[in-house]
Amino acid sequence: MTAPIYVLNGPNLNRLGTREPAIYGSTTLAEVEAMCRSAAGEIAVEFRQSNREYEIVDWVHEAIDRPAAGIVINPAAFTFTSIAILDALKMFPRPIIELHISNIHRREDIYQHSLVSKIATAVIAGLGPKGYATAIRAMKDLIG
Protein backbone atom coordinates (compact mmCIF):
# COMPACT_ATOMS: atom_id res chain seq x y z
CA MET A 1 0.00 0.00 0.00
CA THR A 2 1.28 3.44 -0.90
CA ALA A 3 1.90 5.86 1.95
CA PRO A 4 -0.78 8.54 2.32
CA ILE A 5 -0.73 12.07 0.97
CA TYR A 6 -1.27 14.62 3.70
CA VAL A 7 -3.41 17.63 2.77
CA LEU A 8 -2.99 20.30 5.43
CA ASN A 9 -5.07 23.47 5.59
CA GLY A 10 -4.41 26.54 7.68
CA PRO A 11 -6.53 29.15 9.40
CA ASN A 12 -9.94 30.24 8.19
CA LEU A 13 -10.13 27.60 5.47
CA ASN A 14 -12.87 25.94 7.53
CA ARG A 15 -14.93 28.96 6.38
CA LEU A 16 -14.62 28.17 2.68
CA GLY A 17 -17.94 28.55 0.93
CA THR A 18 -18.90 31.62 2.93
CA ARG A 19 -15.60 33.48 3.39
CA GLU A 20 -15.05 36.13 0.72
CA PRO A 21 -16.63 34.12 -2.11
CA ALA A 22 -15.42 36.67 -4.68
CA ILE A 23 -11.87 35.56 -3.83
CA TYR A 24 -12.26 31.98 -2.60
CA GLY A 25 -15.44 30.82 -4.37
CA SER A 26 -18.44 29.02 -2.91
CA THR A 27 -16.92 25.54 -2.60
CA THR A 28 -16.83 24.28 0.99
CA LEU A 29 -13.88 22.58 2.65
CA ALA A 30 -15.88 19.33 2.73
CA GLU A 31 -16.27 19.58 -1.05
CA VAL A 32 -12.53 20.24 -1.39
CA GLU A 33 -11.84 17.13 0.66
CA ALA A 34 -14.10 15.07 -1.62
CA MET A 35 -12.23 16.42 -4.68
CA CYS A 36 -8.90 15.42 -3.12
CA ARG A 37 -10.08 11.90 -2.29
CA SER A 38 -11.47 11.45 -5.79
CA ALA A 39 -8.24 12.68 -7.42
CA ALA A 40 -6.15 10.43 -5.16
CA GLY A 41 -7.94 7.28 -6.25
CA GLU A 42 -6.46 4.34 -4.33
CA ILE A 43 -3.96 6.48 -2.41
CA ALA A 44 -5.04 7.35 1.12
CA VAL A 45 -5.49 11.01 1.98
CA GLU A 46 -5.05 12.51 5.43
CA PHE A 47 -7.10 15.71 5.07
CA ARG A 48 -6.90 18.18 7.94
CA GLN A 49 -7.57 21.81 8.80
CA SER A 50 -6.58 23.86 11.81
CA ASN A 51 -6.58 27.45 12.94
CA ARG A 52 -3.72 26.56 15.32
CA GLU A 53 -0.11 26.83 14.17
CA TYR A 54 1.18 24.20 16.61
CA GLU A 55 -1.34 21.65 15.35
CA ILE A 56 -0.11 22.03 11.76
CA VAL A 57 3.48 21.63 12.99
CA ASP A 58 2.45 18.44 14.83
CA TRP A 59 0.83 17.09 11.65
CA VAL A 60 3.99 17.74 9.65
CA HIS A 61 5.94 15.83 12.32
CA GLU A 62 3.40 13.01 12.04
CA ALA A 63 3.87 12.98 8.25
CA ILE A 64 7.64 12.68 8.78
CA ASP A 65 7.31 9.82 11.25
CA ARG A 66 4.55 7.85 9.51
CA PRO A 67 5.98 8.44 6.77
CA ALA A 68 3.69 10.22 4.32
CA ALA A 69 4.31 10.04 0.57
CA GLY A 70 4.00 13.81 0.27
CA ILE A 71 2.38 16.91 1.70
CA VAL A 72 0.00 19.31 -0.03
CA ILE A 73 -0.26 22.35 2.20
CA ASN A 74 -2.36 25.49 2.06
CA PRO A 75 -0.91 27.31 5.05
CA ALA A 76 -3.30 30.26 4.49
CA ALA A 77 -2.19 33.21 6.65
CA PHE A 78 0.64 31.12 8.14
CA THR A 79 2.23 31.18 4.66
CA PHE A 80 3.53 34.66 5.40
CA THR A 81 4.23 34.45 9.13
CA SER A 82 5.10 30.97 10.37
CA ILE A 83 8.75 30.15 10.73
CA ALA A 84 7.62 27.20 12.89
CA ILE A 85 5.72 25.61 9.98
CA LEU A 86 8.60 26.41 7.62
CA ASP A 87 11.09 24.71 9.97
CA ALA A 88 8.87 21.63 10.30
CA LEU A 89 8.44 21.37 6.52
CA LYS A 90 12.22 21.66 6.04
CA MET A 91 12.53 18.34 7.88
CA PHE A 92 10.11 16.54 5.54
CA PRO A 93 12.24 14.61 3.01
CA ARG A 94 9.59 13.99 0.36
CA PRO A 95 7.63 16.25 -2.05
CA ILE A 96 5.78 19.28 -0.72
CA ILE A 97 3.28 21.20 -2.82
CA GLU A 98 2.29 24.63 -1.55
CA LEU A 99 -1.24 25.49 -2.59
CA HIS A 100 -3.28 28.69 -2.64
CA ILE A 101 -6.83 29.09 -3.88
CA SER A 102 -6.21 32.66 -5.00
CA ASN A 103 -3.20 33.92 -6.91
CA ILE A 104 -1.26 35.40 -4.01
CA HIS A 105 0.98 37.28 -6.43
CA ARG A 106 -1.98 39.36 -7.65
CA ARG A 107 -3.12 40.22 -4.15
CA GLU A 108 -2.08 42.90 -1.70
CA ASP A 109 1.64 43.15 -0.88
CA ILE A 110 1.21 41.39 2.47
CA TYR A 111 0.15 38.20 0.62
CA GLN A 112 3.07 38.09 -1.79
CA HIS A 113 5.96 36.87 0.36
CA SER A 114 5.59 33.16 1.06
CA LEU A 115 7.98 31.56 3.52
CA VAL A 116 6.82 28.09 2.42
CA SER A 117 7.71 28.65 -1.25
CA LYS A 118 11.37 28.65 -0.30
CA ILE A 119 11.26 24.91 0.46
CA ALA A 120 8.27 23.68 -1.56
CA THR A 121 8.84 21.27 -4.43
CA ALA A 122 6.11 23.09 -6.36
CA VAL A 123 3.58 25.90 -5.90
CA ILE A 124 0.02 26.00 -7.23
CA ALA A 125 -1.87 29.27 -6.92
CA GLY A 126 -4.90 30.86 -8.48
CA LEU A 127 -6.79 27.79 -9.74
CA GLY A 128 -9.51 28.15 -7.12
CA PRO A 129 -10.63 25.13 -5.11
CA LYS A 130 -9.98 22.90 -8.14
CA GLY A 131 -6.29 23.56 -7.53
CA TYR A 132 -6.46 20.92 -4.81
CA ALA A 133 -7.27 18.15 -7.31
CA THR A 134 -4.49 19.46 -9.54
CA ALA A 135 -2.11 19.30 -6.58
CA ILE A 136 -3.12 15.72 -5.79
CA ARG A 137 -2.59 14.64 -9.40
CA ALA A 138 0.79 16.40 -9.45
CA MET A 139 1.75 14.73 -6.18
CA LYS A 140 0.84 11.33 -7.62
CA ASP A 141 3.22 12.05 -10.52
CA LEU A 142 5.97 13.16 -8.12
CA ILE A 143 5.74 10.08 -5.92
CA GLY A 144 5.41 7.72 -8.88
C-alpha atoms as a PDB file:
ATOM      1  CA  MET A   1       0.000   0.000   0.000  1.00  0.00           C
ATOM      2  CA  THR A   2       1.285   3.441  -0.895  1.00  0.00           C
ATOM      3  CA  ALA A   3       1.896   5.863   1.945  1.00  0.00           C
ATOM      4  CA  PRO A   4      -0.778   8.540   2.317  1.00  0.00           C
ATOM      5  CA  ILE A   5      -0.730  12.066   0.971  1.00  0.00           C
ATOM      6  CA  TYR A   6      -1.267  14.624   3.702  1.00  0.00           C
ATOM      7  CA  VAL A   7      -3.409  17.631   2.772  1.00  0.00           C
ATOM      8  CA  LEU A   8      -2.988  20.305   5.428  1.00  0.00           C
ATOM      9  CA  ASN A   9      -5.068  23.471   5.585  1.00  0.00           C
ATOM     10  CA  GLY A  10      -4.407  26.536   7.683  1.00  0.00           C
ATOM     11  CA  PRO A  11      -6.526  29.153   9.402  1.00  0.00           C
ATOM     12  CA  ASN A  12      -9.941  30.242   8.193  1.00  0.00           C
ATOM     13  CA  LEU A  13     -10.128  27.603   5.475  1.00  0.00           C
ATOM     14  CA  ASN A  14     -12.868  25.945   7.531  1.00  0.00           C
ATOM     15  CA  ARG A  15     -14.928  28.962   6.376  1.00  0.00           C
ATOM     16  CA  LEU A  16     -14.622  28.172   2.679  1.00  0.00           C
ATOM     17  CA  GLY A  17     -17.942  28.548   0.926  1.00  0.00           C
ATOM     18  CA  THR A  18     -18.901  31.618   2.931  1.00  0.00           C
ATOM     19  CA  ARG A  19     -15.604  33.475   3.389  1.00  0.00           C
ATOM     20  CA  GLU A  20     -15.053  36.133   0.722  1.00  0.00           C
ATOM     21  CA  PRO A  21     -16.629  34.120  -2.107  1.00  0.00           C
ATOM     22  CA  ALA A  22     -15.424  36.666  -4.677  1.00  0.00           C
ATOM     23  CA  ILE A  23     -11.868  35.564  -3.828  1.00  0.00           C
ATOM     24  CA  TYR A  24     -12.262  31.975  -2.599  1.00  0.00           C
ATOM     25  CA  GLY A  25     -15.441  30.816  -4.369  1.00  0.00           C
ATOM     26  CA  SER A  26     -18.435  29.019  -2.907  1.00  0.00           C
ATOM     27  CA  THR A  27     -16.918  25.540  -2.598  1.00  0.00           C
ATOM     28  CA  THR A  28     -16.832  24.277   0.986  1.00  0.00           C
ATOM     29  CA  LEU A  29     -13.880  22.579   2.652  1.00  0.00           C
ATOM     30  CA  ALA A  30     -15.880  19.329   2.734  1.00  0.00           C
ATOM     31  CA  GLU A  31     -16.274  19.584  -1.049  1.00  0.00           C
ATOM     32  CA  VAL A  32     -12.534  20.243  -1.393  1.00  0.00           C
ATOM     33  CA  GLU A  33     -11.842  17.127   0.664  1.00  0.00           C
ATOM     34  CA  ALA A  34     -14.103  15.071  -1.619  1.00  0.00           C
ATOM     35  CA  MET A  35     -12.233  16.419  -4.682  1.00  0.00           C
ATOM     36  CA  CYS A  36      -8.903  15.415  -3.115  1.00  0.00           C
ATOM     37  CA  ARG A  37     -10.075  11.903  -2.286  1.00  0.00           C
ATOM     38  CA  SER A  38     -11.473  11.452  -5.791  1.00  0.00           C
ATOM     39  CA  ALA A  39      -8.243  12.675  -7.418  1.00  0.00           C
ATOM     40  CA  ALA A  40      -6.148  10.433  -5.161  1.00  0.00           C
ATOM     41  CA  GLY A  41      -7.943   7.278  -6.247  1.00  0.00           C
ATOM     42  CA  GLU A  42      -6.459   4.343  -4.334  1.00  0.00           C
ATOM     43  CA  ILE A  43      -3.961   6.480  -2.414  1.00  0.00           C
ATOM     44  CA  ALA A  44      -5.044   7.352   1.118  1.00  0.00           C
ATOM     45  CA  VAL A  45      -5.486  11.011   1.976  1.00  0.00           C
ATOM     46  CA  GLU A  46      -5.048  12.515   5.434  1.00  0.00           C
ATOM     47  CA  PHE A  47      -7.102  15.707   5.074  1.00  0.00           C
ATOM     48  CA  ARG A  48      -6.896  18.178   7.942  1.00  0.00           C
ATOM     49  CA  GLN A  49      -7.572  21.812   8.798  1.00  0.00           C
ATOM     50  CA  SER A  50      -6.584  23.864  11.808  1.00  0.00           C
ATOM     51  CA  ASN A  51      -6.580  27.451  12.937  1.00  0.00           C
ATOM     52  CA  ARG A  52      -3.721  26.565  15.319  1.00  0.00           C
ATOM     53  CA  GLU A  53      -0.113  26.826  14.172  1.00  0.00           C
ATOM     54  CA  TYR A  54       1.177  24.204  16.613  1.00  0.00           C
ATOM     55  CA  GLU A  55      -1.336  21.647  15.354  1.00  0.00           C
ATOM     56  CA  ILE A  56      -0.111  22.031  11.762  1.00  0.00           C
ATOM     57  CA  VAL A  57       3.482  21.630  12.991  1.00  0.00           C
ATOM     58  CA  ASP A  58       2.455  18.443  14.832  1.00  0.00           C
ATOM     59  CA  TRP A  59       0.829  17.087  11.652  1.00  0.00           C
ATOM     60  CA  VAL A  60       3.992  17.736   9.650  1.00  0.00           C
ATOM     61  CA  HIS A  61       5.945  15.834  12.319  1.00  0.00           C
ATOM     62  CA  GLU A  62       3.404  13.011  12.040  1.00  0.00           C
ATOM     63  CA  ALA A  63       3.871  12.984   8.250  1.00  0.00           C
ATOM     64  CA  ILE A  64       7.637  12.685   8.778  1.00  0.00           C
ATOM     65  CA  ASP A  65       7.312   9.825  11.249  1.00  0.00           C
ATOM     66  CA  ARG A  66       4.546   7.852   9.512  1.00  0.00           C
ATOM     67  CA  PRO A  67       5.979   8.445   6.772  1.00  0.00           C
ATOM     68  CA  ALA A  68       3.690  10.215   4.316  1.00  0.00           C
ATOM     69  CA  ALA A  69       4.312  10.038   0.567  1.00  0.00           C
ATOM     70  CA  GLY A  70       4.000  13.808   0.266  1.00  0.00           C
ATOM     71  CA  ILE A  71       2.381  16.911   1.695  1.00  0.00           C
ATOM     72  CA  VAL A  72       0.001  19.307  -0.030  1.00  0.00           C
ATOM     73  CA  ILE A  73      -0.259  22.351   2.197  1.00  0.00           C
ATOM     74  CA  ASN A  74      -2.359  25.489   2.057  1.00  0.00           C
ATOM     75  CA  PRO A  75      -0.913  27.312   5.054  1.00  0.00           C
ATOM     76  CA  ALA A  76      -3.298  30.259   4.491  1.00  0.00           C
ATOM     77  CA  ALA A  77      -2.190  33.213   6.648  1.00  0.00           C
ATOM     78  CA  PHE A  78       0.640  31.118   8.137  1.00  0.00           C
ATOM     79  CA  THR A  79       2.226  31.184   4.655  1.00  0.00           C
ATOM     80  CA  PHE A  80       3.530  34.658   5.404  1.00  0.00           C
ATOM     81  CA  THR A  81       4.226  34.446   9.132  1.00  0.00           C
ATOM     82  CA  SER A  82       5.102  30.966  10.367  1.00  0.00           C
ATOM     83  CA  ILE A  83       8.752  30.147  10.734  1.00  0.00           C
ATOM     84  CA  ALA A  84       7.624  27.198  12.885  1.00  0.00           C
ATOM     85  CA  ILE A  85       5.724  25.606   9.982  1.00  0.00           C
ATOM     86  CA  LEU A  86       8.604  26.405   7.621  1.00  0.00           C
ATOM     87  CA  ASP A  87      11.087  24.708   9.965  1.00  0.00           C
ATOM     88  CA  ALA A  88       8.867  21.628  10.297  1.00  0.00           C
ATOM     89  CA  LEU A  89       8.440  21.368   6.519  1.00  0.00           C
ATOM     90  CA  LYS A  90      12.215  21.664   6.040  1.00  0.00           C
ATOM     91  CA  MET A  91      12.533  18.340   7.879  1.00  0.00           C
ATOM     92  CA  PHE A  92      10.113  16.543   5.539  1.00  0.00           C
ATOM     93  CA  PRO A  93      12.238  14.606   3.009  1.00  0.00           C
ATOM     94  CA  ARG A  94       9.592  13.991   0.362  1.00  0.00           C
ATOM     95  CA  PRO A  95       7.633  16.251  -2.052  1.00  0.00           C
ATOM     96  CA  ILE A  96       5.785  19.284  -0.719  1.00  0.00           C
ATOM     97  CA  ILE A  97       3.275  21.201  -2.820  1.00  0.00           C
ATOM     98  CA  GLU A  98       2.287  24.634  -1.553  1.00  0.00           C
ATOM     99  CA  LEU A  99      -1.245  25.486  -2.586  1.00  0.00           C
ATOM    100  CA  HIS A 100      -3.283  28.694  -2.637  1.00  0.00           C
ATOM    101  CA  ILE A 101      -6.829  29.087  -3.880  1.00  0.00           C
ATOM    102  CA  SER A 102      -6.211  32.660  -5.004  1.00  0.00           C
ATOM    103  CA  ASN A 103      -3.198  33.918  -6.912  1.00  0.00           C
ATOM    104  CA  ILE A 104      -1.260  35.396  -4.006  1.00  0.00           C
ATOM    105  CA  HIS A 105       0.979  37.281  -6.430  1.00  0.00           C
ATOM    106  CA  ARG A 106      -1.976  39.360  -7.654  1.00  0.00           C
ATOM    107  CA  ARG A 107      -3.116  40.218  -4.146  1.00  0.00           C
ATOM    108  CA  GLU A 108      -2.080  42.900  -1.696  1.00  0.00           C
ATOM    109  CA  ASP A 109       1.635  43.155  -0.876  1.00  0.00           C
ATOM    110  CA  ILE A 110       1.208  41.386   2.471  1.00  0.00           C
ATOM    111  CA  TYR A 111       0.151  38.203   0.619  1.00  0.00           C
ATOM    112  CA  GLN A 112       3.073  38.087  -1.792  1.00  0.00           C
ATOM    113  CA  HIS A 113       5.964  36.868   0.364  1.00  0.00           C
ATOM    114  CA  SER A 114       5.593  33.156   1.059  1.00  0.00           C
ATOM    115  CA  LEU A 115       7.976  31.559   3.521  1.00  0.00           C
ATOM    116  CA  VAL A 116       6.825  28.095   2.422  1.00  0.00           C
ATOM    117  CA  SER A 117       7.708  28.654  -1.249  1.00  0.00           C
ATOM    118  CA  LYS A 118      11.368  28.652  -0.302  1.00  0.00           C
ATOM    119  CA  ILE A 119      11.258  24.915   0.457  1.00  0.00           C
ATOM    120  CA  ALA A 120       8.273  23.682  -1.564  1.00  0.00           C
ATOM    121  CA  THR A 121       8.838  21.268  -4.428  1.00  0.00           C
ATOM    122  CA  ALA A 122       6.107  23.089  -6.364  1.00  0.00           C
ATOM    123  CA  VAL A 123       3.582  25.900  -5.905  1.00  0.00           C
ATOM    124  CA  ILE A 124       0.024  26.001  -7.233  1.00  0.00           C
ATOM    125  CA  ALA A 125      -1.866  29.275  -6.917  1.00  0.00           C
ATOM    126  CA  GLY A 126      -4.896  30.858  -8.484  1.00  0.00           C
ATOM    127  CA  LEU A 127      -6.790  27.793  -9.735  1.00  0.00           C
ATOM    128  CA  GLY A 128      -9.506  28.153  -7.116  1.00  0.00           C
ATOM    129  CA  PRO A 129     -10.627  25.127  -5.107  1.00  0.00           C
ATOM    130  CA  LYS A 130      -9.981  22.901  -8.136  1.00  0.00           C
ATOM    131  CA  GLY A 131      -6.291  23.557  -7.532  1.00  0.00           C
ATOM    132  CA  TYR A 132      -6.460  20.915  -4.811  1.00  0.00           C
ATOM    133  CA  ALA A 133      -7.273  18.147  -7.308  1.00  0.00           C
ATOM    134  CA  THR A 134      -4.494  19.464  -9.540  1.00  0.00           C
ATOM    135  CA  ALA A 135      -2.114  19.297  -6.579  1.00  0.00           C
ATOM    136  CA  ILE A 136      -3.116  15.720  -5.785  1.00  0.00           C
ATOM    137  CA  ARG A 137      -2.585  14.641  -9.396  1.00  0.00           C
ATOM    138  CA  ALA A 138       0.792  16.399  -9.451  1.00  0.00           C
ATOM    139  CA  MET A 139       1.747  14.732  -6.175  1.00  0.00           C
ATOM    140  CA  LYS A 140       0.843  11.327  -7.621  1.00  0.00           C
ATOM    141  CA  ASP A 141       3.223  12.048 -10.515  1.00  0.00           C
ATOM    142  CA  LEU A 142       5.967  13.158  -8.121  1.00  0.00           C
ATOM    143  CA  ILE A 143       5.739  10.078  -5.917  1.00  0.00           C
ATOM    144  CA  GLY A 144       5.412   7.718  -8.881  1.00  0.00           C
END
